[in-house]
Protein backbone atom coordinates (compact mmCIF):
# COMPACT_ATOMS: atom_id res chain seq x y z
CA MET A 1 104.51 -172.40 52.82
CA LYS A 2 104.68 -175.38 55.09
CA ASN A 3 106.95 -174.67 58.35
CA GLN A 4 109.22 -177.55 60.21
CA ASN A 5 106.55 -179.03 61.76
CA GLU A 6 104.31 -179.17 59.64
CA ASN A 7 106.58 -181.38 57.26
CA GLN A 8 107.88 -183.53 60.45
CA ASP A 9 103.99 -184.84 60.32
CA GLU A 10 103.71 -185.69 57.01
CA LYS A 11 106.82 -187.44 57.58
CA ARG A 12 105.34 -189.58 60.59
CA THR A 13 104.42 -193.30 59.38
CA TYR A 14 102.07 -195.60 61.11
CA ASN A 15 102.22 -199.43 60.54
CA ILE A 16 98.72 -200.86 60.38
CA GLY A 17 99.61 -204.24 60.55
CA GLU A 18 98.43 -207.20 58.22
CA ALA A 19 95.89 -205.75 55.53
CA GLN A 20 94.06 -207.16 52.90
CA VAL A 21 93.30 -205.30 50.05
CA LEU A 22 89.89 -205.52 48.51
CA VAL A 23 90.12 -202.77 45.47
CA GLU A 24 92.79 -200.79 44.25
CA THR A 25 92.27 -197.58 41.65
CA PRO A 26 95.19 -195.61 40.11
CA LYS A 27 95.17 -193.68 42.77
CA ALA A 28 93.58 -195.07 46.17
CA LEU A 29 93.53 -198.68 47.98
CA LEU A 30 90.26 -199.98 49.50
CA ILE A 31 91.87 -201.69 52.82
CA ALA A 32 89.41 -204.41 54.59
CA ASN A 33 88.58 -203.14 58.20
CA GLY A 34 87.32 -207.27 59.05
CA GLU A 35 83.77 -205.96 59.08
CA THR A 36 80.82 -206.27 56.84
CA ASP A 37 78.44 -204.10 55.29
CA ASP A 38 74.55 -204.29 55.38
CA GLN A 39 75.01 -207.02 52.72
CA GLY A 40 77.71 -209.58 53.91
CA ARG A 41 80.44 -207.83 52.14
CA PRO A 42 84.27 -207.01 53.34
CA ALA A 43 83.73 -203.62 54.51
CA GLY A 44 87.13 -201.11 54.48
CA TYR A 45 88.30 -197.78 54.70
CA TRP A 46 90.31 -195.94 51.27
CA VAL A 47 93.92 -195.42 51.69
CA PRO A 48 95.48 -192.94 48.98
CA LYS A 49 98.34 -194.49 47.19
CA SER A 50 100.44 -191.12 48.12
CA GLN A 51 100.10 -191.89 51.66
CA ILE A 52 101.42 -195.48 51.69
CA ASP A 53 104.86 -195.36 53.12
CA ILE A 54 107.43 -196.49 50.27
CA THR A 55 108.70 -198.90 53.46
CA SER A 56 105.44 -200.75 53.14
CA ASP A 57 104.51 -204.50 52.12
CA ILE A 58 101.39 -203.84 50.63
CA GLN A 59 101.51 -200.98 47.25
CA SER A 60 98.90 -202.43 45.77
CA LYS A 61 96.13 -205.48 45.44
CA GLY A 62 97.39 -208.88 45.82
CA ASP A 63 100.48 -207.86 48.22
CA THR A 64 101.10 -209.06 51.52
CA GLY A 65 102.02 -208.02 54.57
CA ASP A 66 102.21 -205.19 56.98
CA LEU A 67 100.76 -201.80 55.48
CA ILE A 68 102.72 -198.61 56.89
CA VAL A 69 100.52 -195.10 55.87
CA ALA A 70 101.14 -191.59 56.96
CA GLU A 71 100.01 -191.17 60.50
CA TRP A 72 97.18 -188.62 59.95
CA ILE A 73 95.75 -191.82 56.77
CA ALA A 74 95.60 -193.61 60.08
CA VAL A 75 94.03 -191.27 62.64
CA LYS A 76 91.22 -189.93 60.04
CA ASN A 77 90.89 -194.10 59.46
CA GLY A 78 90.29 -194.54 63.11
CA PHE A 79 93.20 -196.07 64.19
CA GLU A 80 94.64 -195.11 68.04
CA VAL A 81 98.22 -193.84 67.57
CA GLU A 82 100.32 -192.47 70.39
CA SER A 83 101.70 -189.58 70.14
CA ASN A 84 105.55 -189.34 70.54
CA GLU A 85 105.39 -185.81 72.10
CA GLY A 86 105.32 -184.02 75.23
């Protein structure tokens, strides 16, 4: 059973900003990270659709605007998230 702090952590969001969807699957989006792979193709990171906030402009391939995700997935993908605690 989750305690109240764990539930609050799940509700925190992070605005990644303008994002481009490279690939969409039934469960996730591959988001471009502005880099390229060894063969010159755009590189990126996966975001589970379940972790995209309902207020996000981007929900599927073809959408434009800001991508808002659960804070933990932003941290997992290398974004520096400032903590409001302490």
